[in-house]
């Protein structure tokens, strides 16, 4: 129960859903590198340094 509350509080399900949706939409050759870069972009966006990543931006 405590673990589920943590996941909900930190919005982990939302993040994983976003990552998997982007991964399935793009289907990159190297999914691990793609996810790493996407997480980096999310962190930079959170810090206000770049615009948030979008699944509809140019490949």
C-alpha atoms as a PDB file:
ATOM      1  CA  UNK A   1       0.000   0.000   0.000  1.00  0.00           C
ATOM      2  CA  UNK A   2       2.770   2.422   0.876  1.00  0.00           C
ATOM      3  CA  UNK A   3       4.557   1.701  -2.411  1.00  0.00           C
ATOM      4  CA  UNK A   4       1.402   2.425  -4.421  1.00  0.00           C
ATOM      5  CA  UNK A   5       0.884   5.713  -2.615  1.00  0.00           C
ATOM      6  CA  UNK A   6       4.461   6.689  -3.392  1.00  0.00           C
ATOM      7  CA  UNK A   7       3.996   5.895  -7.106  1.00  0.00           C
ATOM      8  CA  UNK A   8       0.784   7.905  -7.236  1.00  0.00           C
ATOM      9  CA  UNK A   9       2.205  10.830  -5.273  1.00  0.00           C
ATOM     10  CA  UNK A  10       5.275  11.078  -7.507  1.00  0.00           C
ATOM     11  CA  UNK A  11       3.167  10.563 -10.675  1.00  0.00           C
ATOM     12  CA  UNK A  12       5.333   7.646 -11.760  1.00  0.00           C
ATOM     13  CA  UNK A  13       2.466   6.056 -13.692  1.00  0.00           C
ATOM     14  CA  UNK A  14       2.070   9.253 -15.731  1.00  0.00           C
ATOM     15  CA  UNK A  15       5.772   9.366 -16.526  1.00  0.00           C
ATOM     16  CA  UNK A  16       5.925   5.708 -17.554  1.00  0.00           C
ATOM     17  CA  UNK A  17       2.796   6.120 -19.684  1.00  0.00           C
ATOM     18  CA  UNK A  18       4.338   9.157 -21.408  1.00  0.00           C
ATOM     19  CA  UNK A  19       7.623   7.326 -22.034  1.00  0.00           C
ATOM     20  CA  UNK A  20       5.975   4.178 -23.395  1.00  0.00           C
ATOM     21  CA  UNK A  21       3.605   6.169 -25.600  1.00  0.00           C
ATOM     22  CA  UNK A  22       6.511   8.066 -27.135  1.00  0.00           C
ATOM     23  CA  UNK A  23       8.520   4.886 -27.526  1.00  0.00           C
ATOM     24  CA  UNK A  24       5.709   3.105 -29.356  1.00  0.00           C
ATOM     25  CA  UNK A  25       5.008   6.124 -31.542  1.00  0.00           C
ATOM     26  CA  UNK A  26       8.653   6.626 -32.577  1.00  0.00           C
ATOM     27  CA  UNK A  27       9.889   3.001 -32.493  1.00  0.00           C
ATOM     28  CA  UNK A  28      13.560   4.014 -32.427  1.00  0.00           C
ATOM     29  CA  UNK A  29      16.324   1.573 -33.337  1.00  0.00           C
ATOM     30  CA  UNK A  30      17.877   2.019 -29.901  1.00  0.00           C
ATOM     31  CA  UNK A  31      14.996   2.276 -27.410  1.00  0.00           C
ATOM     32  CA  UNK A  32      17.305   2.583 -24.398  1.00  0.00           C
ATOM     33  CA  UNK A  33      19.159   5.569 -25.834  1.00  0.00           C
ATOM     34  CA  UNK A  34      15.865   7.135 -26.922  1.00  0.00           C
ATOM     35  CA  UNK A  35      14.354   6.795 -23.441  1.00  0.00           C
ATOM     36  CA  UNK A  36      17.507   8.195 -21.849  1.00  0.00           C
ATOM     37  CA  UNK A  37      17.390  11.245 -24.123  1.00  0.00           C
ATOM     38  CA  UNK A  38      13.667  11.695 -23.537  1.00  0.00           C
ATOM     39  CA  UNK A  39      14.134  11.605 -19.761  1.00  0.00           C
ATOM     40  CA  UNK A  40      16.949  14.147 -20.086  1.00  0.00           C
ATOM     41  CA  UNK A  41      14.632  16.442 -22.075  1.00  0.00           C
ATOM     42  CA  UNK A  42      11.928  16.030 -19.431  1.00  0.00           C
ATOM     43  CA  UNK A  43      14.391  17.023 -16.692  1.00  0.00           C
ATOM     44  CA  UNK A  44      15.574  20.072 -18.646  1.00  0.00           C
ATOM     45  CA  UNK A  45      11.961  21.043 -19.269  1.00  0.00           C
ATOM     46  CA  UNK A  46      11.129  20.687 -15.591  1.00  0.00           C
ATOM     47  CA  UNK A  47      13.985  23.049 -14.822  1.00  0.00           C
ATOM     48  CA  UNK A  48      12.668  25.552 -17.381  1.00  0.00           C
ATOM     49  CA  UNK A  49      15.652  25.217 -19.711  1.00  0.00           C
ATOM     50  CA  UNK A  50      13.835  23.821 -22.772  1.00  0.00           C
ATOM     51  CA  UNK A  51      10.285  23.325 -24.011  1.00  0.00           C
ATOM     52  CA  UNK A  52       8.626  20.088 -22.909  1.00  0.00           C
ATOM     53  CA  UNK A  53       9.116  17.101 -25.226  1.00  0.00           C
ATOM     54  CA  UNK A  54       6.219  16.317 -27.514  1.00  0.00           C
ATOM     55  CA  UNK A  55       5.476  13.093 -29.387  1.00  0.00           C
ATOM     56  CA  UNK A  56       4.522  15.253 -32.356  1.00  0.00           C
ATOM     57  CA  UNK A  57       7.772  17.215 -32.660  1.00  0.00           C
ATOM     58  CA  UNK A  58      10.089  16.521 -35.578  1.00  0.00           C
ATOM     59  CA  UNK A  59      11.933  13.229 -35.537  1.00  0.00           C
END
